[in-house]
Amino acid sequence: MEDCIFCKIIKKEIPSTIVYEDDSVIAFNDVNPAAPIHILVVPKKHIATLLDVTEEDKELIAHIYEVINQIARERGFAENGFRVITNCGRDSGQEVMHIHFHVLGGKKLGDKIVE
């Protein structure tokens, strides 16, 4: 989508601090972090919400979780734990209509849902 901020980051039209990239996924630091570690993992394929994931996206979604695990191990926060959040739709707090996974860590996270 032409006005999607994540699509623009994927195309390198908007700068970001990329922590991982391959042919199907990009991961970058969130510009408004909710924790000491706050990385967004985004498929390069534009999928608006979780409700738009199809059968053909199974391998992509599995790959995203493999990437999340790899990032957590390589950056040293896997052992202490981390949280993965994916919002679906406006009422959930999804602001960018391009599926993305928030990876939060670097401190003990409370029970409160991150806003």
PDB file of N, CA and C in Angstrom:
ATOM      1  N   MET A   1       0.839  -1.182   0.000  1.00  0.00           N
ATOM      2  CA  MET A   1       0.000   0.000   0.000  1.00  0.00           C
ATOM      3  C   MET A   1       0.883   1.245   0.000  1.00  0.00           C
ATOM      4  N   GLU A   2       0.499   2.214  -0.743  1.00  0.00           N
ATOM      5  CA  GLU A   2       1.342   3.383  -0.926  1.00  0.00           C
ATOM      6  C   GLU A   2       1.460   4.275   0.304  1.00  0.00           C
ATOM      7  N   ASP A   3       0.431   4.324   1.144  1.00  0.00           N
ATOM      8  CA  ASP A   3       0.483   5.212   2.301  1.00  0.00           C
ATOM      9  C   ASP A   3       0.836   4.476   3.594  1.00  0.00           C
ATOM     10  N   CYS A   4       1.184   3.215   3.516  1.00  0.00           N
ATOM     11  CA  CYS A   4       1.519   2.418   4.697  1.00  0.00           C
ATOM     12  C   CYS A   4       2.957   2.735   5.145  1.00  0.00           C
ATOM     13  N   ILE A   5       3.085   3.183   6.384  1.00  0.00           N
ATOM     14  CA  ILE A   5       4.402   3.561   6.899  1.00  0.00           C
ATOM     15  C   ILE A   5       5.362   2.365   6.923  1.00  0.00           C
ATOM     16  N   PHE A   6       4.854   1.162   7.231  1.00  0.00           N
ATOM     17  CA  PHE A   6       5.734   0.001   7.262  1.00  0.00           C
ATOM     18  C   PHE A   6       6.179  -0.386   5.855  1.00  0.00           C
ATOM     19  N   CYS A   7       5.301  -0.243   4.874  1.00  0.00           N
ATOM     20  CA  CYS A   7       5.707  -0.505   3.492  1.00  0.00           C
ATOM     21  C   CYS A   7       6.801   0.473   3.064  1.00  0.00           C
ATOM     22  N   LYS A   8       6.697   1.711   3.530  1.00  0.00           N
ATOM     23  CA  LYS A   8       7.727   2.711   3.212  1.00  0.00           C
ATOM     24  C   LYS A   8       9.049   2.373   3.900  1.00  0.00           C
ATOM     25  N   ILE A   9       8.987   1.859   5.113  1.00  0.00           N
ATOM     26  CA  ILE A   9      10.213   1.418   5.799  1.00  0.00           C
ATOM     27  C   ILE A   9      10.822   0.241   5.057  1.00  0.00           C
ATOM     28  N   ILE A  10       9.992  -0.702   4.647  1.00  0.00           N
ATOM     29  CA  ILE A  10      10.466  -1.866   3.889  1.00  0.00           C
ATOM     30  C   ILE A  10      11.165  -1.425   2.609  1.00  0.00           C
ATOM     31  N   LYS A  11      10.623  -0.419   1.931  1.00  0.00           N
ATOM     32  CA  LYS A  11      11.205   0.094   0.679  1.00  0.00           C
ATOM     33  C   LYS A  11      12.371   1.050   0.922  1.00  0.00           C
ATOM     34  N   LYS A  12      12.688   1.298   2.208  1.00  0.00           N
ATOM     35  CA  LYS A  12      13.773   2.205   2.607  1.00  0.00           C
ATOM     36  C   LYS A  12      13.474   3.649   2.241  1.00  0.00           C
ATOM     37  N   GLU A  13      12.200   4.002   2.148  1.00  0.00           N
ATOM     38  CA  GLU A  13      11.790   5.375   1.899  1.00  0.00           C
ATOM     39  C   GLU A  13      11.761   6.180   3.191  1.00  0.00           C
ATOM     40  N   ILE A  14      11.649   5.477   4.325  1.00  0.00           N
ATOM     41  CA  ILE A  14      11.677   6.096   5.646  1.00  0.00           C
ATOM     42  C   ILE A  14      12.801   5.417   6.420  1.00  0.00           C
ATOM     43  N   PRO A  15      13.694   6.181   7.030  1.00  0.00           N
ATOM     44  CA  PRO A  15      14.796   5.554   7.768  1.00  0.00           C
ATOM     45  C   PRO A  15      14.303   4.862   9.040  1.00  0.00           C
ATOM     46  N   SER A  16      14.985   3.801   9.400  1.00  0.00           N
ATOM     47  CA  SER A  16      14.719   3.088  10.645  1.00  0.00           C
ATOM     48  C   SER A  16      15.992   2.374  11.067  1.00  0.00           C
ATOM     49  N   THR A  17      16.029   1.977  12.330  1.00  0.00           N
ATOM     50  CA  THR A  17      17.168   1.212  12.824  1.00  0.00           C
ATOM     51  C   THR A  17      16.825  -0.261  12.675  1.00  0.00           C
ATOM     52  N   ILE A  18      17.290  -0.848  11.598  1.00  0.00           N
ATOM     53  CA  ILE A  18      16.969  -2.235  11.274  1.00  0.00           C
ATOM     54  C   ILE A  18      17.859  -3.162  12.091  1.00  0.00           C
ATOM     55  N   VAL A  19      17.231  -4.136  12.749  1.00  0.00           N
ATOM     56  CA  VAL A  19      17.981  -5.105  13.545  1.00  0.00           C
ATOM     57  C   VAL A  19      18.021  -6.481  12.878  1.00  0.00           C
ATOM     58  N   TYR A  20      17.150  -6.687  11.869  1.00  0.00           N
ATOM     59  CA  TYR A  20      17.134  -7.949  11.127  1.00  0.00           C
ATOM     60  C   TYR A  20      16.402  -7.702   9.813  1.00  0.00           C
ATOM     61  N   GLU A  21      16.882  -8.386   8.772  1.00  0.00           N
ATOM     62  CA  GLU A  21      16.170  -8.330   7.493  1.00  0.00           C
ATOM     63  C   GLU A  21      16.528  -9.537   6.657  1.00  0.00           C
ATOM     64  N   ASP A  22      15.507 -10.100   6.009  1.00  0.00           N
ATOM     65  CA  ASP A  22      15.721 -11.139   5.014  1.00  0.00           C
ATOM     66  C   ASP A  22      14.728 -10.900   3.884  1.00  0.00           C
ATOM     67  N   ASP A  23      14.513 -11.876   3.024  1.00  0.00           N
ATOM     68  CA  ASP A  23      13.633 -11.679   1.866  1.00  0.00           C
ATOM     69  C   ASP A  23      12.171 -11.461   2.230  1.00  0.00           C
ATOM     70  N   SER A  24      11.741 -11.944   3.395  1.00  0.00           N
ATOM     71  CA  SER A  24      10.311 -11.889   3.721  1.00  0.00           C
ATOM     72  C   SER A  24       9.962 -11.098   4.978  1.00  0.00           C
ATOM     73  N   VAL A  25      10.968 -10.731   5.780  1.00  0.00           N
ATOM     74  CA  VAL A  25      10.715 -10.088   7.074  1.00  0.00           C
ATOM     75  C   VAL A  25      11.725  -8.966   7.306  1.00  0.00           C
ATOM     76  N   ILE A  26      11.262  -7.922   7.987  1.00  0.00           N
ATOM     77  CA  ILE A  26      12.152  -6.869   8.455  1.00  0.00           C
ATOM     78  C   ILE A  26      11.834  -6.620   9.927  1.00  0.00           C
ATOM     79  N   ALA A  27      12.860  -6.327  10.714  1.00  0.00           N
ATOM     80  CA  ALA A  27      12.679  -6.005  12.132  1.00  0.00           C
ATOM     81  C   ALA A  27      13.469  -4.745  12.429  1.00  0.00           C
ATOM     82  N   PHE A  28      12.835  -3.851  13.186  1.00  0.00           N
ATOM     83  CA  PHE A  28      13.478  -2.572  13.485  1.00  0.00           C
ATOM     84  C   PHE A  28      13.033  -2.087  14.853  1.00  0.00           C
ATOM     85  N   ASN A  29      13.832  -1.195  15.431  1.00  0.00           N
ATOM     86  CA  ASN A  29      13.500  -0.629  16.735  1.00  0.00           C
ATOM     87  C   ASN A  29      12.286   0.283  16.608  1.00  0.00           C
ATOM     88  N   ASP A  30      11.384   0.170  17.584  1.00  0.00           N
ATOM     89  CA  ASP A  30      10.213   1.046  17.634  1.00  0.00           C
ATOM     90  C   ASP A  30      10.670   2.461  17.982  1.00  0.00           C
ATOM     91  N   VAL A  31      10.118   3.455  17.317  1.00  0.00           N
ATOM     92  CA  VAL A  31      10.517   4.841  17.586  1.00  0.00           C
ATOM     93  C   VAL A  31       9.934   5.369  18.891  1.00  0.00           C
ATOM     94  N   ASN A  32       8.902   4.715  19.419  1.00  0.00           N
ATOM     95  CA  ASN A  32       8.310   5.092  20.703  1.00  0.00           C
ATOM     96  C   ASN A  32       8.288   3.860  21.609  1.00  0.00           C
ATOM     97  N   PRO A  33       9.457   3.464  22.107  1.00  0.00           N
ATOM     98  CA  PRO A  33       9.532   2.198  22.842  1.00  0.00           C
ATOM     99  C   PRO A  33       8.735   2.194  24.142  1.00  0.00           C
ATOM    100  N   ALA A  34       8.084   1.053  24.397  1.00  0.00           N
ATOM    101  CA  ALA A  34       7.326   0.850  25.630  1.00  0.00           C
ATOM    102  C   ALA A  34       8.130   0.047  26.648  1.00  0.00           C
ATOM    103  N   ALA A  35       9.339  -0.350  26.283  1.00  0.00           N
ATOM    104  CA  ALA A  35      10.244  -1.110  27.152  1.00  0.00           C
ATOM    105  C   ALA A  35      11.664  -0.828  26.668  1.00  0.00           C
ATOM    106  N   PRO A  36      12.676  -1.176  27.481  1.00  0.00           N
ATOM    107  CA  PRO A  36      14.063  -0.947  27.044  1.00  0.00           C
ATOM    108  C   PRO A  36      14.367  -1.600  25.688  1.00  0.00           C
ATOM    109  N   ILE A  37      13.791  -2.755  25.442  1.00  0.00           N
ATOM    110  CA  ILE A  37      13.890  -3.405  24.134  1.00  0.00           C
ATOM    111  C   ILE A  37      12.482  -3.401  23.554  1.00  0.00           C
ATOM    112  N   HIS A  38      12.310  -2.782  22.414  1.00  0.00           N
ATOM    113  CA  HIS A  38      11.006  -2.761  21.741  1.00  0.00           C
ATOM    114  C   HIS A  38      11.281  -2.793  20.242  1.00  0.00           C
ATOM    115  N   ILE A  39      11.156  -3.994  19.706  1.00  0.00           N
ATOM    116  CA  ILE A  39      11.448  -4.241  18.300  1.00  0.00           C
ATOM    117  C   ILE A  39      10.146  -4.611  17.595  1.00  0.00           C
ATOM    118  N   LEU A  40       9.947  -4.071  16.403  1.00  0.00           N
ATOM    119  CA  LEU A  40       8.805  -4.444  15.578  1.00  0.00           C
ATOM    120  C   LEU A  40       9.281  -5.408  14.507  1.00  0.00           C
ATOM    121  N   VAL A  41       8.598  -6.536  14.403  1.00  0.00           N
ATOM    122  CA  VAL A  41       8.900  -7.530  13.378  1.00  0.00           C
ATOM    123  C   VAL A  41       7.727  -7.509  12.399  1.00  0.00           C
ATOM    124  N   VAL A  42       8.041  -7.253  11.128  1.00  0.00           N
ATOM    125  CA  VAL A  42       7.014  -6.969  10.127  1.00  0.00           C
ATOM    126  C   VAL A  42       7.257  -7.819   8.878  1.00  0.00           C
ATOM    127  N   PRO A  43       6.222  -8.505   8.394  1.00  0.00           N
ATOM    128  CA  PRO A  43       6.403  -9.198   7.112  1.00  0.00           C
ATOM    129  C   PRO A  43       6.493  -8.171   5.990  1.00  0.00           C
ATOM    130  N   LYS A  44       7.289  -8.471   4.978  1.00  0.00           N
ATOM    131  CA  LYS A  44       7.385  -7.555   3.841  1.00  0.00           C
ATOM    132  C   LYS A  44       6.123  -7.604   2.988  1.00  0.00           C
ATOM    133  N   LYS A  45       5.407  -8.708   3.032  1.00  0.00           N
ATOM    134  CA  LYS A  45       4.122  -8.812   2.353  1.00  0.00           C
ATOM    135  C   LYS A  45       3.117  -7.977   3.143  1.00  0.00           C
ATOM    136  N   HIS A  46       2.396  -7.118   2.472  1.00  0.00           N
ATOM    137  CA  HIS A  46       1.401  -6.294   3.174  1.00  0.00           C
ATOM    138  C   HIS A  46       0.180  -7.159   3.505  1.00  0.00           C
ATOM    139  N   ILE A  47      -0.009  -7.360   4.803  1.00  0.00           N
ATOM    140  CA  ILE A  47      -1.190  -8.033   5.336  1.00  0.00           C
ATOM    141  C   ILE A  47      -1.744  -7.057   6.364  1.00  0.00           C
ATOM    142  N   ALA A  48      -2.977  -6.610   6.195  1.00  0.00           N
ATOM    143  CA  ALA A  48      -3.500  -5.541   7.042  1.00  0.00           C
ATOM    144  C   ALA A  48      -3.631  -5.953   8.507  1.00  0.00           C
ATOM    145  N   THR A  49      -4.297  -7.057   8.795  1.00  0.00           N
ATOM    146  CA  THR A  49      -4.526  -7.485  10.178  1.00  0.00           C
ATOM    147  C   THR A  49      -4.397  -8.996  10.276  1.00  0.00           C
ATOM    148  N   LEU A  50      -4.440  -9.501  11.501  1.00  0.00           N
ATOM    149  CA  LEU A  50      -4.442 -10.953  11.698  1.00  0.00           C
ATOM    150  C   LEU A  50      -5.594 -11.619  10.965  1.00  0.00           C
ATOM    151  N   LEU A  51      -6.707 -10.943  10.870  1.00  0.00           N
ATOM    152  CA  LEU A  51      -7.874 -11.502  10.189  1.00  0.00           C
ATOM    153  C   LEU A  51      -7.640 -11.697   8.695  1.00  0.00           C
ATOM    154  N   ASP A  52      -6.602 -11.072   8.167  1.00  0.00           N
ATOM    155  CA  ASP A  52      -6.291 -11.190   6.743  1.00  0.00           C
ATOM    156  C   ASP A  52      -5.237 -12.256   6.443  1.00  0.00           C
ATOM    157  N   VAL A  53      -4.757 -12.931   7.480  1.00  0.00           N
ATOM    158  CA  VAL A  53      -3.798 -14.018   7.279  1.00  0.00           C
ATOM    159  C   VAL A  53      -4.541 -15.190   6.639  1.00  0.00           C
ATOM    160  N   THR A  54      -3.941 -15.763   5.604  1.00  0.00           N
ATOM    161  CA  THR A  54      -4.566 -16.872   4.888  1.00  0.00           C
ATOM    162  C   THR A  54      -3.710 -18.131   5.005  1.00  0.00           C
ATOM    163  N   GLU A  55      -4.233 -19.194   4.469  1.00  0.00           N
ATOM    164  CA  GLU A  55      -3.525 -20.482   4.440  1.00  0.00           C
ATOM    165  C   GLU A  55      -2.145 -20.336   3.803  1.00  0.00           C
ATOM    166  N   GLU A  56      -2.057 -19.529   2.779  1.00  0.00           N
ATOM    167  CA  GLU A  56      -0.765 -19.363   2.094  1.00  0.00           C
ATOM    168  C   GLU A  56       0.261 -18.605   2.937  1.00  0.00           C
ATOM    169  N   ASP A  57      -0.176 -17.988   4.035  1.00  0.00           N
ATOM    170  CA  ASP A  57       0.725 -17.232   4.908  1.00  0.00           C
ATOM    171  C   ASP A  57       1.286 -18.059   6.062  1.00  0.00           C
ATOM    172  N   LYS A  58       0.931 -19.339   6.146  1.00  0.00           N
ATOM    173  CA  LYS A  58       1.370 -20.174   7.277  1.00  0.00           C
ATOM    174  C   LYS A  58       2.877 -20.161   7.460  1.00  0.00           C
ATOM    175  N   GLU A  59       3.604 -20.383   6.386  1.00  0.00           N
ATOM    176  CA  GLU A  59       5.069 -20.432   6.491  1.00  0.00           C
ATOM    177  C   GLU A  59       5.641 -19.067   6.874  1.00  0.00           C
ATOM    178  N   LEU A  60       5.055 -18.014   6.366  1.00  0.00           N
ATOM    179  CA  LEU A  60       5.512 -16.668   6.695  1.00  0.00           C
ATOM    180  C   LEU A  60       5.328 -16.391   8.187  1.00  0.00           C
ATOM    181  N   ILE A  61       4.179 -16.725   8.731  1.00  0.00           N
ATOM    182  CA  ILE A  61       3.920 -16.482  10.156  1.00  0.00           C
ATOM    183  C   ILE A  61       4.858 -17.327  11.013  1.00  0.00           C
ATOM    184  N   ALA A  62       5.068 -18.581  10.642  1.00  0.00           N
ATOM    185  CA  ALA A  62       6.024 -19.423  11.378  1.00  0.00           C
ATOM    186  C   ALA A  62       7.422 -18.818  11.306  1.00  0.00           C
ATOM    187  N   HIS A  63       7.789 -18.313  10.145  1.00  0.00           N
ATOM    188  CA  HIS A  63       9.112 -17.699   9.972  1.00  0.00           C
ATOM    189  C   HIS A  63       9.261 -16.462  10.862  1.00  0.00           C
ATOM    190  N   ILE A  64       8.201 -15.687  10.994  1.00  0.00           N
ATOM    191  CA  ILE A  64       8.250 -14.506  11.860  1.00  0.00           C
ATOM    192  C   ILE A  64       8.613 -14.914  13.280  1.00  0.00           C
ATOM    193  N   TYR A  65       8.000 -15.980  13.788  1.00  0.00           N
ATOM    194  CA  TYR A  65       8.317 -16.424  15.143  1.00  0.00           C
ATOM    195  C   TYR A  65       9.737 -16.983  15.240  1.00  0.00           C
ATOM    196  N   GLU A  66      10.232 -17.613  14.192  1.00  0.00           N
ATOM    197  CA  GLU A  66      11.629 -18.040  14.175  1.00  0.00           C
ATOM    198  C   GLU A  66      12.556 -16.831  14.249  1.00  0.00           C
ATOM    199  N   VAL A  67      12.218 -15.776  13.513  1.00  0.00           N
ATOM    200  CA  VAL A  67      13.017 -14.542  13.522  1.00  0.00           C
ATOM    201  C   VAL A  67      12.987 -13.902  14.903  1.00  0.00           C
ATOM    202  N   ILE A  68      11.808 -13.863  15.526  1.00  0.00           N
ATOM    203  CA  ILE A  68      11.701 -13.301  16.872  1.00  0.00           C
ATOM    204  C   ILE A  68      12.631 -14.055  17.822  1.00  0.00           C
ATOM    205  N   ASN A  69      12.606 -15.380  17.774  1.00  0.00           N
ATOM    206  CA  ASN A  69      13.482 -16.183  18.637  1.00  0.00           C
ATOM    207  C   ASN A  69      14.951 -15.895  18.348  1.00  0.00           C
ATOM    208  N   GLN A  70      15.306 -15.799  17.089  1.00  0.00           N
ATOM    209  CA  GLN A  70      16.689 -15.523  16.711  1.00  0.00           C
ATOM    210  C   GLN A  70      17.137 -14.160  17.241  1.00  0.00           C
ATOM    211  N   ILE A  71      16.308 -13.154  17.073  1.00  0.00           N
ATOM    212  CA  ILE A  71      16.644 -11.816  17.563  1.00  0.00           C
ATOM    213  C   ILE A  71      16.833 -11.844  19.073  1.00  0.00           C
ATOM    214  N   ALA A  72      15.911 -12.496  19.783  1.00  0.00           N
ATOM    215  CA  ALA A  72      15.988 -12.549  21.252  1.00  0.00           C
ATOM    216  C   ALA A  72      17.273 -13.232  21.710  1.00  0.00           C
ATOM    217  N   ARG A  73      17.649 -14.301  21.040  1.00  0.00           N
ATOM    218  CA  ARG A  73      18.890 -15.007  21.413  1.00  0.00           C
ATOM    219  C   ARG A  73      20.122 -14.158  21.084  1.00  0.00           C
ATOM    220  N   GLU A  74      20.158 -13.620  19.872  1.00  0.00           N
ATOM    221  CA  GLU A  74      21.328 -12.848  19.444  1.00  0.00           C
ATOM    222  C   GLU A  74      21.517 -11.571  20.250  1.00  0.00           C
ATOM    223  N   ARG A  75      20.437 -10.958  20.691  1.00  0.00           N
ATOM    224  CA  ARG A  75      20.528  -9.706  21.434  1.00  0.00           C
ATOM    225  C   ARG A  75      20.575  -9.919  22.939  1.00  0.00           C
ATOM    226  N   GLY A  76      20.513 -11.189  23.370  1.00  0.00           N
ATOM    227  CA  GLY A  76      20.757 -11.519  24.769  1.00  0.00           C
ATOM    228  C   GLY A  76      19.601 -11.348  25.734  1.00  0.00           C
ATOM    229  N   PHE A  77      18.377 -11.268  25.242  1.00  0.00           N
ATOM    230  CA  PHE A  77      17.255 -11.141  26.173  1.00  0.00           C
ATOM    231  C   PHE A  77      16.337 -12.361  26.190  1.00  0.00           C
ATOM    232  N   ALA A  78      16.694 -13.406  25.467  1.00  0.00           N
ATOM    233  CA  ALA A  78      15.853 -14.613  25.427  1.00  0.00           C
ATOM    234  C   ALA A  78      15.777 -15.288  26.788  1.00  0.00           C
ATOM    235  N   GLU A  79      16.902 -15.414  27.458  1.00  0.00           N
ATOM    236  CA  GLU A  79      16.949 -16.153  28.717  1.00  0.00           C
ATOM    237  C   GLU A  79      16.085 -15.514  29.806  1.00  0.00           C
ATOM    238  N   ASN A  80      16.065 -14.195  29.874  1.00  0.00           N
ATOM    239  CA  ASN A  80      15.278 -13.510  30.901  1.00  0.00           C
ATOM    240  C   ASN A  80      13.808 -13.379  30.528  1.00  0.00           C
ATOM    241  N   GLY A  81      13.489 -13.593  29.266  1.00  0.00           N
ATOM    242  CA  GLY A  81      12.103 -13.545  28.818  1.00  0.00           C
ATOM    243  C   GLY A  81      11.752 -12.262  28.085  1.00  0.00           C
ATOM    244  N   PHE A  82      10.676 -12.355  27.331  1.00  0.00           N
ATOM    245  CA  PHE A  82      10.201 -11.228  26.545  1.00  0.00           C
ATOM    246  C   PHE A  82       8.732 -11.448  26.220  1.00  0.00           C
ATOM    247  N   ARG A  83       8.105 -10.416  25.724  1.00  0.00           N
ATOM    248  CA  ARG A  83       6.689 -10.463  25.384  1.00  0.00           C
ATOM    249  C   ARG A  83       6.543 -10.172  23.895  1.00  0.00           C
ATOM    250  N   VAL A  84       5.600 -10.877  23.254  1.00  0.00           N
ATOM    251  CA  VAL A  84       5.264 -10.629  21.856  1.00  0.00           C
ATOM    252  C   VAL A  84       3.791 -10.243  21.810  1.00  0.00           C
ATOM    253  N   ILE A  85       3.515  -9.087  21.212  1.00  0.00           N
ATOM    254  CA  ILE A  85       2.143  -8.589  21.123  1.00  0.00           C
ATOM    255  C   ILE A  85       1.814  -8.292  19.667  1.00  0.00           C
ATOM    256  N   THR A  86       0.652  -8.752  19.251  1.00  0.00           N
ATOM    257  CA  THR A  86       0.129  -8.405  17.935  1.00  0.00           C
ATOM    258  C   THR A  86      -1.288  -7.902  18.124  1.00  0.00           C
ATOM    259  N   ASN A  87      -1.524  -6.667  17.783  1.00  0.00           N
ATOM    260  CA  ASN A  87      -2.860  -6.098  17.880  1.00  0.00           C
ATOM    261  C   ASN A  87      -3.610  -6.364  16.575  1.00  0.00           C
ATOM    262  N   CYS A  88      -4.942  -6.463  16.675  1.00  0.00           N
ATOM    263  CA  CYS A  88      -5.762  -6.728  15.489  1.00  0.00           C
ATOM    264  C   CYS A  88      -6.937  -5.761  15.473  1.00  0.00           C
ATOM    265  N   GLY A  89      -6.848  -4.767  14.627  1.00  0.00           N
ATOM    266  CA  GLY A  89      -7.928  -3.804  14.480  1.00  0.00           C
ATOM    267  C   GLY A  89      -7.763  -2.580  15.367  1.00  0.00           C
ATOM    268  N   ARG A  90      -8.502  -1.566  15.052  1.00  0.00           N
ATOM    269  CA  ARG A  90      -8.380  -0.271  15.730  1.00  0.00           C
ATOM    270  C   ARG A  90      -8.687  -0.346  17.225  1.00  0.00           C
ATOM    271  N   ASP A  91      -9.727  -1.092  17.625  1.00  0.00           N
ATOM    272  CA  ASP A  91     -10.077  -1.162  19.046  1.00  0.00           C
ATOM    273  C   ASP A  91      -8.991  -1.831  19.884  1.00  0.00           C
ATOM    274  N   SER A  92      -8.136  -2.619  19.266  1.00  0.00           N
ATOM    275  CA  SER A  92      -7.050  -3.272  19.998  1.00  0.00           C
ATOM    276  C   SER A  92      -5.857  -2.344  20.181  1.00  0.00           C
ATOM    277  N   GLY A  93      -5.860  -1.258  19.448  1.00  0.00           N
ATOM    278  CA  GLY A  93      -4.728  -0.341  19.482  1.00  0.00           C
ATOM    279  C   GLY A  93      -3.855  -0.428  18.248  1.00  0.00           C
ATOM    280  N   GLN A  94      -4.248  -1.215  17.256  1.00  0.00           N
ATOM    281  CA  GLN A  94      -3.460  -1.294  16.031  1.00  0.00           C
ATOM    282  C   GLN A  94      -3.561   0.039  15.297  1.00  0.00           C
ATOM    283  N   GLU A  95      -2.438   0.726  15.193  1.00  0.00           N
ATOM    284  CA  GLU A  95      -2.411   2.040  14.562  1.00  0.00           C
ATOM    285  C   GLU A  95      -1.985   1.970  13.102  1.00  0.00           C
ATOM    286  N   VAL A  96      -1.130   1.008  12.771  1.00  0.00           N
ATOM    287  CA  VAL A  96      -0.680   0.826  11.393  1.00  0.00           C
ATOM    288  C   VAL A  96      -1.344  -0.444  10.868  1.00  0.00           C
ATOM    289  N   MET A  97      -2.103  -0.307   9.804  1.00  0.00           N
ATOM    290  CA  MET A  97      -2.823  -1.458   9.253  1.00  0.00           C
ATOM    291  C   MET A  97      -1.902  -2.279   8.341  1.00  0.00           C
ATOM    292  N   HIS A  98      -0.890  -2.817   8.969  1.00  0.00           N
ATOM    293  CA  HIS A  98       0.064  -3.755   8.359  1.00  0.00           C
ATOM    294  C   HIS A  98       0.483  -4.632   9.535  1.00  0.00           C
ATOM    295  N   ILE A  99       0.156  -5.911   9.479  1.00  0.00           N
ATOM    296  CA  ILE A  99       0.417  -6.800  10.607  1.00  0.00           C
ATOM    297  C   ILE A  99       1.859  -6.643  11.082  1.00  0.00           C
ATOM    298  N   HIS A 100       2.027  -6.583  12.395  1.00  0.00           N
ATOM    299  CA  HIS A 100       3.359  -6.456  12.976  1.00  0.00           C
ATOM    300  C   HIS A 100       3.348  -7.025  14.385  1.00  0.00           C
ATOM    301  N   PHE A 101       4.513  -7.414  14.824  1.00  0.00           N
ATOM    302  CA  PHE A 101       4.687  -8.085  16.102  1.00  0.00           C
ATOM    303  C   PHE A 101       5.619  -7.247  16.964  1.00  0.00           C
ATOM    304  N   HIS A 102       5.111  -6.799  18.103  1.00  0.00           N
ATOM    305  CA  HIS A 102       5.913  -6.039  19.056  1.00  0.00           C
ATOM    306  C   HIS A 102       6.680  -7.039  19.919  1.00  0.00           C
ATOM    307  N   VAL A 103       7.982  -6.910  19.974  1.00  0.00           N
ATOM    308  CA  VAL A 103       8.817  -7.739  20.841  1.00  0.00           C
ATOM    309  C   VAL A 103       9.347  -6.823  21.934  1.00  0.00           C
ATOM    310  N   LEU A 104       8.939  -7.102  23.172  1.00  0.00           N
ATOM    311  CA  LEU A 104       9.273  -6.243  24.310  1.00  0.00           C
ATOM    312  C   LEU A 104      10.105  -7.015  25.319  1.00  0.00           C
ATOM    313  N   GLY A 105      11.144  -6.389  25.818  1.00  0.00           N
ATOM    314  CA  GLY A 105      11.987  -7.032  26.818  1.00  0.00           C
ATOM    315  C   GLY A 105      12.938  -6.042  27.433  1.00  0.00           C
ATOM    316  N   GLY A 106      13.911  -6.590  28.155  1.00  0.00           N
ATOM    317  CA  GLY A 106      14.931  -5.747  28.766  1.00  0.00           C
ATOM    318  C   GLY A 106      14.608  -5.321  30.174  1.00  0.00           C
ATOM    319  N   LYS A 107      13.458  -5.733  30.687  1.00  0.00           N
ATOM    320  CA  LYS A 107      13.084  -5.458  32.067  1.00  0.00           C
ATOM    321  C   LYS A 107      11.943  -6.416  32.424  1.00  0.00           C
ATOM    322  N   LYS A 108      11.653  -6.497  33.711  1.00  0.00           N
ATOM    323  CA  LYS A 108      10.512  -7.304  34.142  1.00  0.00           C
ATOM    324  C   LYS A 108       9.243  -6.576  33.710  1.00  0.00           C
ATOM    325  N   LEU A 109       8.424  -7.253  32.926  1.00  0.00           N
ATOM    326  CA  LEU A 109       7.194  -6.657  32.428  1.00  0.00           C
ATOM    327  C   LEU A 109       6.054  -7.022  33.351  1.00  0.00           C
ATOM    328  N   GLY A 110       5.246  -6.050  33.701  1.00  0.00           N
ATOM    329  CA  GLY A 110       4.134  -6.288  34.611  1.00  0.00           C
ATOM    330  C   GLY A 110       2.946  -6.934  33.916  1.00  0.00           C
ATOM    331  N   ASP A 111       1.858  -7.049  34.645  1.00  0.00           N
ATOM    332  CA  ASP A 111       0.648  -7.654  34.112  1.00  0.00           C
ATOM    333  C   ASP A 111      -0.144  -6.705  33.227  1.00  0.00           C
ATOM    334  N   LYS A 112       0.134  -5.427  33.335  1.00  0.00           N
ATOM    335  CA  LYS A 112      -0.598  -4.430  32.547  1.00  0.00           C
ATOM    336  C   LYS A 112      -0.314  -4.631  31.064  1.00  0.00           C
ATOM    337  N   ILE A 113      -1.343  -4.574  30.273  1.00  0.00           N
ATOM    338  CA  ILE A 113      -1.185  -4.659  28.828  1.00  0.00           C
ATOM    339  C   ILE A 113      -0.579  -3.350  28.352  1.00  0.00           C
ATOM    340  N   VAL A 114       0.438  -3.441  27.531  1.00  0.00           N
ATOM    341  CA  VAL A 114       1.125  -2.255  27.011  1.00  0.00           C
ATOM    342  C   VAL A 114       0.169  -1.457  26.149  1.00  0.00           C
ATOM    343  N   GLU A 115       0.129  -0.158  26.358  1.00  0.00           N
ATOM    344  CA  GLU A 115      -0.757   0.707  25.575  1.00  0.00           C
ATOM    345  C   GLU A 115       0.006   1.420  24.500  1.00  0.00           C
TER     346      GLU A 115
END
